Protein backbone atom coordinates (compact mmCIF):
# COMPACT_ATOMS: atom_id res chain seq x y z
CA MET A 1 94.21 100.73 103.38
CA LYS A 2 96.38 99.55 100.47
CA LYS A 3 99.39 101.54 99.34
CA SER A 4 101.88 101.28 96.46
CA ILE A 5 105.08 103.28 96.03
CA ARG A 6 108.06 103.22 93.70
CA VAL A 7 111.36 104.03 95.41
CA TYR A 8 114.68 105.04 93.86
CA VAL A 9 117.70 104.67 96.15
CA THR A 10 120.99 106.44 95.39
CA GLY A 11 124.33 105.75 97.06
CA THR A 12 126.46 102.65 97.59
CA VAL A 13 123.57 100.25 97.05
CA GLN A 14 124.84 97.76 94.46
CA GLY A 15 127.14 94.90 95.45
CA VAL A 16 126.33 95.20 99.17
CA PHE A 17 123.42 92.69 99.42
CA PHE A 18 120.94 95.61 99.29
CA ARG A 19 118.27 93.88 97.18
CA GLY A 20 118.47 90.67 99.24
CA PHE A 21 118.16 92.72 102.43
CA ILE A 22 115.06 94.46 101.03
CA LYS A 23 113.52 91.13 99.95
CA GLU A 24 114.04 89.55 103.40
CA ASN A 25 112.46 92.53 105.13
CA ALA A 26 109.60 92.81 102.62
CA GLU A 27 108.68 89.17 103.24
CA ARG A 28 108.94 89.69 107.01
CA ASN A 29 106.64 92.75 106.75
CA ASN A 30 104.15 91.18 104.31
CA VAL A 31 105.00 93.65 101.53
CA LYS A 32 104.94 92.61 97.86
CA GLY A 33 106.70 94.00 94.78
CA PHE A 34 110.26 93.92 93.44
CA ALA A 35 113.77 95.33 93.68
CA ARG A 36 116.22 95.70 90.81
CA ASN A 37 119.52 97.38 90.02
CA LEU A 38 119.45 100.18 87.48
CA GLU A 39 122.23 100.88 84.99
CA ASP A 40 122.92 104.29 86.57
CA GLY A 41 123.90 102.68 89.90
CA ARG A 42 120.60 103.22 91.71
CA VAL A 43 118.23 100.55 92.99
CA GLU A 44 114.54 100.70 92.06
CA ILE A 45 112.07 99.19 94.52
CA PHE A 46 108.32 98.76 94.12
CA LEU A 47 106.51 98.25 97.44
CA GLU A 48 102.83 97.50 97.95
CA GLY A 49 100.66 96.24 100.75
CA ASN A 50 98.89 97.69 103.76
CA SER A 51 99.88 101.34 104.33
CA GLU A 52 101.37 100.58 107.74
CA ASP A 53 103.55 97.76 106.33
CA VAL A 54 104.71 99.82 103.33
CA ASN A 55 105.60 102.76 105.60
CA ARG A 56 107.60 100.40 107.85
CA MET A 57 109.43 99.06 104.78
CA LEU A 58 110.25 102.59 103.67
CA GLU A 59 112.09 103.08 106.98
CA VAL A 60 113.99 99.83 106.32
CA VAL A 61 114.95 101.12 102.85
CA ARG A 62 116.20 104.40 104.33
CA ALA A 63 118.38 102.50 106.84
CA GLY A 64 119.68 99.85 104.39
CA PRO A 65 121.98 96.94 105.22
CA LYS A 66 125.26 97.37 107.09
CA HIS A 67 127.57 98.07 104.11
CA ALA A 68 125.20 100.30 102.12
CA GLN A 69 125.58 104.07 102.12
CA ILE A 70 122.25 105.70 101.31
CA ARG A 71 122.61 109.19 99.85
CA ASN A 72 119.08 109.80 98.61
CA VAL A 73 115.67 108.10 98.61
CA GLU A 74 113.02 109.29 96.15
CA THR A 75 109.45 108.00 96.42
CA LYS A 76 106.54 108.17 94.02
CA GLU A 77 102.96 107.06 94.70
CA GLU A 78 101.83 104.35 92.29
CA LYS A 79 98.63 102.55 91.33
CA PHE A 80 98.13 99.27 93.23
CA GLN A 81 99.36 96.38 91.03
CA GLY A 82 98.34 93.29 93.03
CA PHE A 83 101.75 91.58 93.24
CA LYS A 84 101.63 88.10 94.79
CA ASN A 85 105.15 88.09 96.26
CA PHE A 86 108.40 90.06 96.44
CA LYS A 87 111.07 89.37 93.84
CA VAL A 88 114.62 90.46 93.14
CA LEU A 89 114.76 91.09 89.40
CA HIS A 90 117.98 90.46 87.43
CA PHE A 91 118.67 91.97 84.03
């Protein structure tokens, strides 16, 4: 079954290779979507793929890379978008 979620991560998540860490793991877990920094210091992540893979990625997001300090993870179910790959977006 396909699943799509939008995730907002709060904490020390910018400047600690967080988005790159998410991209590496998304590709390893066959999950598509994107990750981007937000102006308020959070990271927004869109994950989609098979439910099992997306759920596994959510656990990766909650753990984060070594230097990240995750304070809060908000998730929101989304409509499936059909992304072809996983990208780190820069603004």
